[in-house]
Each structure stands twice: as C-alpha cells, then as structure tokens.
PDB file of N, CA and C in Angstrom:
ATOM      1  N   MET A   1      -2.021  62.488  10.869  1.00  0.00           N
ATOM      2  CA  MET A   1      -2.110  60.988  11.201  1.00  0.00           C
ATOM      3  C   MET A   1      -2.659  60.876  12.607  1.00  0.00           C
ATOM      4  N   VAL A   2      -3.451  59.898  12.758  1.00  0.00           N
ATOM      5  CA  VAL A   2      -4.053  59.705  14.074  1.00  0.00           C
ATOM      6  C   VAL A   2      -3.440  58.520  14.833  1.00  0.00           C
ATOM      7  N   ASN A   3      -2.741  58.793  15.886  1.00  0.00           N
ATOM      8  CA  ASN A   3      -2.117  57.728  16.698  1.00  0.00           C
ATOM      9  C   ASN A   3      -1.326  56.737  15.971  1.00  0.00           C
ATOM     10  N   GLY A   4      -0.577  57.203  14.942  1.00  0.00           N
ATOM     11  CA  GLY A   4       0.291  56.365  14.191  1.00  0.00           C
ATOM     12  C   GLY A   4      -0.301  55.149  13.413  1.00  0.00           C
ATOM     13  N   THR A   5      -1.685  55.242  13.199  1.00  0.00           N
ATOM     14  CA  THR A   5      -2.429  54.169  12.588  1.00  0.00           C
ATOM     15  C   THR A   5      -2.408  54.290  11.085  1.00  0.00           C
ATOM     16  N   GLY A   6      -1.932  55.392  10.465  1.00  0.00           N
ATOM     17  CA  GLY A   6      -2.092  55.498   9.040  1.00  0.00           C
ATOM     18  C   GLY A   6      -3.564  56.027   8.621  1.00  0.00           C
ATOM     19  N   ILE A   7      -4.233  56.371   9.603  1.00  0.00           N
ATOM     20  CA  ILE A   7      -5.657  57.009   9.322  1.00  0.00           C
ATOM     21  C   ILE A   7      -5.439  58.471   9.349  1.00  0.00           C
ATOM     22  N   TYR A   8      -5.912  59.106   8.335  1.00  0.00           N
ATOM     23  CA  TYR A   8      -5.818  60.651   8.355  1.00  0.00           C
ATOM     24  C   TYR A   8      -7.202  61.224   8.275  1.00  0.00           C
ATOM     25  N   ASN A   9      -7.323  62.229   9.178  1.00  0.00           N
ATOM     26  CA  ASN A   9      -8.644  62.998   9.201  1.00  0.00           C
ATOM     27  C   ASN A   9      -8.634  63.974   7.995  1.00  0.00           C
ATOM     28  N   LEU A  10      -9.596  63.893   7.100  1.00  0.00           N
ATOM     29  CA  LEU A  10      -9.696  64.749   5.952  1.00  0.00           C
ATOM     30  C   LEU A  10     -10.691  65.864   6.314  1.00  0.00           C
ATOM     31  N   TYR A  11     -11.760  65.469   6.917  1.00  0.00           N
ATOM     32  CA  TYR A  11     -12.911  66.451   7.129  1.00  0.00           C
ATOM     33  C   TYR A  11     -13.567  66.049   8.456  1.00  0.00           C
ATOM     34  N   VAL A  12     -13.808  67.007   9.306  1.00  0.00           N
ATOM     35  CA  VAL A  12     -14.596  66.642  10.556  1.00  0.00           C
ATOM     36  C   VAL A  12     -15.411  67.876  10.892  1.00  0.00           C
ATOM     37  N   ASP A  13     -16.684  67.718  11.094  1.00  0.00           N
ATOM     38  CA  ASP A  13     -17.524  68.774  11.598  1.00  0.00           C
ATOM     39  C   ASP A  13     -18.400  68.101  12.666  1.00  0.00           C
ATOM     40  N   ARG A  14     -19.422  68.768  13.178  1.00  0.00           N
ATOM     41  CA  ARG A  14     -20.230  68.196  14.256  1.00  0.00           C
ATOM     42  C   ARG A  14     -21.080  67.033  13.897  1.00  0.00           C
ATOM     43  N   GLN A  15     -21.214  66.725  12.519  1.00  0.00           N
ATOM     44  CA  GLN A  15     -22.078  65.672  12.151  1.00  0.00           C
ATOM     45  C   GLN A  15     -21.347  64.537  11.298  1.00  0.00           C
ATOM     46  N   PHE A  16     -20.345  64.968  10.627  1.00  0.00           N
ATOM     47  CA  PHE A  16     -19.757  64.050   9.636  1.00  0.00           C
ATOM     48  C   PHE A  16     -18.226  64.033   9.796  1.00  0.00           C
ATOM     49  N   ALA A  17     -17.589  62.840   9.498  1.00  0.00           N
ATOM     50  CA  ALA A  17     -16.123  62.782   9.517  1.00  0.00           C
ATOM     51  C   ALA A  17     -15.694  62.027   8.319  1.00  0.00           C
ATOM     52  N   GLU A  18     -14.652  62.501   7.668  1.00  0.00           N
ATOM     53  CA  GLU A  18     -13.971  61.701   6.522  1.00  0.00           C
ATOM     54  C   GLU A  18     -12.687  61.417   6.934  1.00  0.00           C
ATOM     55  N   ASN A  19     -12.238  60.124   6.610  1.00  0.00           N
ATOM     56  CA  ASN A  19     -10.856  59.689   6.890  1.00  0.00           C
ATOM     57  C   ASN A  19     -10.347  59.020   5.765  1.00  0.00           C
ATOM     58  N   LYS A  20      -9.022  59.071   5.534  1.00  0.00           N
ATOM     59  CA  LYS A  20      -8.273  58.426   4.500  1.00  0.00           C
ATOM     60  C   LYS A  20      -7.507  57.307   5.095  1.00  0.00           C
ATOM     61  N   PHE A  21      -7.735  56.135   4.560  1.00  0.00           N
ATOM     62  CA  PHE A  21      -7.011  54.874   4.984  1.00  0.00           C
ATOM     63  C   PHE A  21      -6.681  54.096   3.829  1.00  0.00           C
ATOM     64  N   LEU A  22      -5.380  53.731   3.714  1.00  0.00           N
ATOM     65  CA  LEU A  22      -4.909  52.871   2.659  1.00  0.00           C
ATOM     66  C   LEU A  22      -5.365  53.475   1.323  1.00  0.00           C
ATOM     67  N   GLY A  23      -5.380  54.698   1.015  1.00  0.00           N
ATOM     68  CA  GLY A  23      -5.630  55.305  -0.187  1.00  0.00           C
ATOM     69  C   GLY A  23      -7.115  55.490  -0.505  1.00  0.00           C
ATOM     70  N   HIS A  24      -7.936  55.127   0.467  1.00  0.00           N
ATOM     71  CA  HIS A  24      -9.413  55.226   0.180  1.00  0.00           C
ATOM     72  C   HIS A  24     -10.016  56.272   1.276  1.00  0.00           C
ATOM     73  N   VAL A  25     -11.075  56.977   0.777  1.00  0.00           N
ATOM     74  CA  VAL A  25     -11.723  57.904   1.677  1.00  0.00           C
ATOM     75  C   VAL A  25     -13.025  57.323   2.178  1.00  0.00           C
ATOM     76  N   PHE A  26     -13.201  57.310   3.477  1.00  0.00           N
ATOM     77  CA  PHE A  26     -14.386  56.867   4.072  1.00  0.00           C
ATOM     78  C   PHE A  26     -15.092  58.000   4.856  1.00  0.00           C
ATOM     79  N   GLY A  27     -16.410  58.166   4.524  1.00  0.00           N
ATOM     80  CA  GLY A  27     -17.172  59.230   5.292  1.00  0.00           C
ATOM     81  C   GLY A  27     -18.176  58.593   6.247  1.00  0.00           C
ATOM     82  N   PHE A  28     -18.291  59.104   7.309  1.00  0.00           N
ATOM     83  CA  PHE A  28     -19.194  58.474   8.431  1.00  0.00           C
ATOM     84  C   PHE A  28     -20.000  59.661   9.053  1.00  0.00           C
ATOM     85  N   PRO A  29     -21.349  59.336   9.211  1.00  0.00           N
ATOM     86  CA  PRO A  29     -22.085  60.275  10.007  1.00  0.00           C
ATOM     87  C   PRO A  29     -21.742  59.972  11.530  1.00  0.00           C
ATOM     88  N   ILE A  30     -21.571  61.048  12.261  1.00  0.00           N
ATOM     89  CA  ILE A  30     -21.159  60.891  13.653  1.00  0.00           C
ATOM     90  C   ILE A  30     -22.306  61.440  14.593  1.00  0.00           C
ATOM     91  N   ALA A  31     -23.346  61.950  14.000  1.00  0.00           N
ATOM     92  CA  ALA A  31     -24.462  62.520  14.745  1.00  0.00           C
ATOM     93  C   ALA A  31     -25.699  62.538  13.810  1.00  0.00           C
ATOM     94  N   PRO A  32     -26.895  62.563  14.280  1.00  0.00           N
ATOM     95  CA  PRO A  32     -28.022  62.699  13.485  1.00  0.00           C
ATOM     96  C   PRO A  32     -28.062  63.865  12.544  1.00  0.00           C
ATOM     97  N   PHE A  33     -28.584  63.782  11.401  1.00  0.00           N
ATOM     98  CA  PHE A  33     -28.609  64.866  10.388  1.00  0.00           C
ATOM     99  C   PHE A  33     -29.824  64.813   9.519  1.00  0.00           C
ATOM    100  N   THR A  34     -30.173  66.009   8.931  1.00  0.00           N
ATOM    101  CA  THR A  34     -31.256  66.099   7.980  1.00  0.00           C
ATOM    102  C   THR A  34     -30.766  65.922   6.572  1.00  0.00           C
ATOM    103  N   LYS A  35     -31.637  65.737   5.673  1.00  0.00           N
ATOM    104  CA  LYS A  35     -31.267  65.659   4.285  1.00  0.00           C
ATOM    105  C   LYS A  35     -30.488  66.941   3.803  1.00  0.00           C
ATOM    106  N   GLN A  36     -30.947  68.149   4.336  1.00  0.00           N
ATOM    107  CA  GLN A  36     -30.306  69.314   3.848  1.00  0.00           C
ATOM    108  C   GLN A  36     -28.879  69.378   4.427  1.00  0.00           C
ATOM    109  N   GLU A  37     -28.641  68.935   5.713  1.00  0.00           N
ATOM    110  CA  GLU A  37     -27.279  69.000   6.274  1.00  0.00           C
ATOM    111  C   GLU A  37     -26.439  67.996   5.517  1.00  0.00           C
ATOM    112  N   PHE A  38     -26.983  66.854   5.128  1.00  0.00           N
ATOM    113  CA  PHE A  38     -26.165  65.955   4.327  1.00  0.00           C
ATOM    114  C   PHE A  38     -25.815  66.462   2.915  1.00  0.00           C
ATOM    115  N   GLU A  39     -26.715  67.138   2.324  1.00  0.00           N
ATOM    116  CA  GLU A  39     -26.444  67.795   1.069  1.00  0.00           C
ATOM    117  C   GLU A  39     -25.314  68.847   1.182  1.00  0.00           C
ATOM    118  N   ASN A  40     -25.381  69.655   2.306  1.00  0.00           N
ATOM    119  CA  ASN A  40     -24.402  70.640   2.531  1.00  0.00           C
ATOM    120  C   ASN A  40     -23.009  69.985   2.808  1.00  0.00           C
ATOM    121  N   TYR A  41     -22.959  68.987   3.553  1.00  0.00           N
ATOM    122  CA  TYR A  41     -21.736  68.185   3.778  1.00  0.00           C
ATOM    123  C   TYR A  41     -21.161  67.661   2.458  1.00  0.00           C
ATOM    124  N   ALA A  42     -22.094  66.992   1.666  1.00  0.00           N
ATOM    125  CA  ALA A  42     -21.622  66.411   0.317  1.00  0.00           C
ATOM    126  C   ALA A  42     -21.019  67.528  -0.518  1.00  0.00           C
ATOM    127  N   ASN A  43     -21.662  68.612  -0.661  1.00  0.00           N
ATOM    128  CA  ASN A  43     -21.123  69.707  -1.464  1.00  0.00           C
ATOM    129  C   ASN A  43     -19.829  70.292  -0.999  1.00  0.00           C
ATOM    130  N   LYS A  44     -19.688  70.371   0.439  1.00  0.00           N
ATOM    131  CA  LYS A  44     -18.351  70.861   0.884  1.00  0.00           C
ATOM    132  C   LYS A  44     -17.265  69.769   0.585  1.00  0.00           C
ATOM    133  N   SER A  45     -17.593  68.608   0.750  1.00  0.00           N
ATOM    134  CA  SER A  45     -16.643  67.498   0.608  1.00  0.00           C
ATOM    135  C   SER A  45     -16.188  67.483  -0.925  1.00  0.00           C
ATOM    136  N   ILE A  46     -17.081  67.558  -1.821  1.00  0.00           N
ATOM    137  CA  ILE A  46     -16.821  67.494  -3.204  1.00  0.00           C
ATOM    138  C   ILE A  46     -15.963  68.755  -3.552  1.00  0.00           C
ATOM    139  N   GLN A  47     -16.249  69.924  -3.123  1.00  0.00           N
ATOM    140  CA  GLN A  47     -15.593  71.188  -3.389  1.00  0.00           C
ATOM    141  C   GLN A  47     -14.062  70.964  -2.826  1.00  0.00           C
ATOM    142  N   MET A  48     -13.924  70.521  -1.603  1.00  0.00           N
ATOM    143  CA  MET A  48     -12.613  70.353  -1.068  1.00  0.00           C
ATOM    144  C   MET A  48     -11.847  69.492  -1.962  1.00  0.00           C
ATOM    145  N   LYS A  49     -12.392  68.371  -2.460  1.00  0.00           N
ATOM    146  CA  LYS A  49     -11.618  67.454  -3.332  1.00  0.00           C
ATOM    147  C   LYS A  49     -11.249  68.075  -4.611  1.00  0.00           C
ATOM    148  N   LYS A  50     -12.197  68.849  -5.205  1.00  0.00           N
ATOM    149  CA  LYS A  50     -11.901  69.448  -6.452  1.00  0.00           C
ATOM    150  C   LYS A  50     -10.765  70.463  -6.297  1.00  0.00           C
ATOM    151  N   ASN A  51     -10.827  71.268  -5.258  1.00  0.00           N
ATOM    152  CA  ASN A  51      -9.730  72.204  -4.983  1.00  0.00           C
ATOM    153  C   ASN A  51      -8.448  71.477  -4.777  1.00  0.00           C
ATOM    154  N   PHE A  52      -8.374  70.450  -4.030  1.00  0.00           N
ATOM    155  CA  PHE A  52      -7.125  69.665  -3.823  1.00  0.00           C
ATOM    156  C   PHE A  52      -6.572  69.126  -5.051  1.00  0.00           C
ATOM    157  N   PHE A  53      -7.406  68.586  -5.870  1.00  0.00           N
ATOM    158  CA  PHE A  53      -6.817  67.948  -7.135  1.00  0.00           C
ATOM    159  C   PHE A  53      -6.495  69.100  -8.145  1.00  0.00           C
ATOM    160  N   TYR A  54      -7.087  70.208  -8.119  1.00  0.00           N
ATOM    161  CA  TYR A  54      -6.748  71.299  -9.004  1.00  0.00           C
ATOM    162  C   TYR A  54      -5.396  71.800  -8.560  1.00  0.00           C
ATOM    163  N   ARG A  55      -5.263  72.090  -7.238  1.00  0.00           N
ATOM    164  CA  ARG A  55      -3.903  72.593  -6.784  1.00  0.00           C
ATOM    165  C   ARG A  55      -2.817  71.512  -7.091  1.00  0.00           C
ATOM    166  N   SER A  56      -3.078  70.201  -6.924  1.00  0.00           N
ATOM    167  CA  SER A  56      -2.080  69.161  -7.155  1.00  0.00           C
ATOM    168  C   SER A  56      -1.740  69.268  -8.650  1.00  0.00           C
ATOM    169  N   LYS A  57      -2.616  69.399  -9.509  1.00  0.00           N
ATOM    170  CA  LYS A  57      -2.404  69.404 -10.907  1.00  0.00           C
ATOM    171  C   LYS A  57      -1.599  70.654 -11.382  1.00  0.00           C
ATOM    172  N   CYS A  58      -1.829  71.781 -10.676  1.00  0.00           N
ATOM    173  CA  CYS A  58      -1.097  73.046 -11.014  1.00  0.00           C
ATOM    174  C   CYS A  58       0.317  72.920 -10.507  1.00  0.00           C
ATOM    175  N   HIS A  59       0.698  72.085  -9.590  1.00  0.00           N
ATOM    176  CA  HIS A  59       2.017  72.086  -9.049  1.00  0.00           C
ATOM    177  C   HIS A  59       2.889  71.033  -9.619  1.00  0.00           C
ATOM    178  N   ILE A  60       2.366  70.261 -10.553  1.00  0.00           N
ATOM    179  CA  ILE A  60       3.210  69.229 -11.229  1.00  0.00           C
ATOM    180  C   ILE A  60       4.050  69.795 -12.285  1.00  0.00           C
TER     181      ILE A  60
END
C-alpha cells in the first residue's frame, strides 16, 4: 500500500507503472517508450496476471 491511500503498486519498471485502486488495475506510461517496449511490458503484465490467477485457483 502506498501512503495509506489504498493504492497498491502491482508493477513498476523504468517506463511503466501499474496500480490497483478500488479493485481496478490502471497502467500508466511514466517515460517515453517504443512500440517494442510497450509490447514487452504488455506481455510481462499479462503473464504476471495469468500466474497470479493460476496460483489463486490452485490454493482454493
């Protein structure tokens, strides 16, 4: 949690940041990026979410 605001950092690198707020995920560019860098970020983000939900499902 960041500063008690209820905003959680899910992913941060030098170009992109994802935060969870009120059950929604928001992604923001925080620096200039190329199309290839965006595609890499999107693939990492999707894979992280797949892993998270797969692990959650396995522990129920």
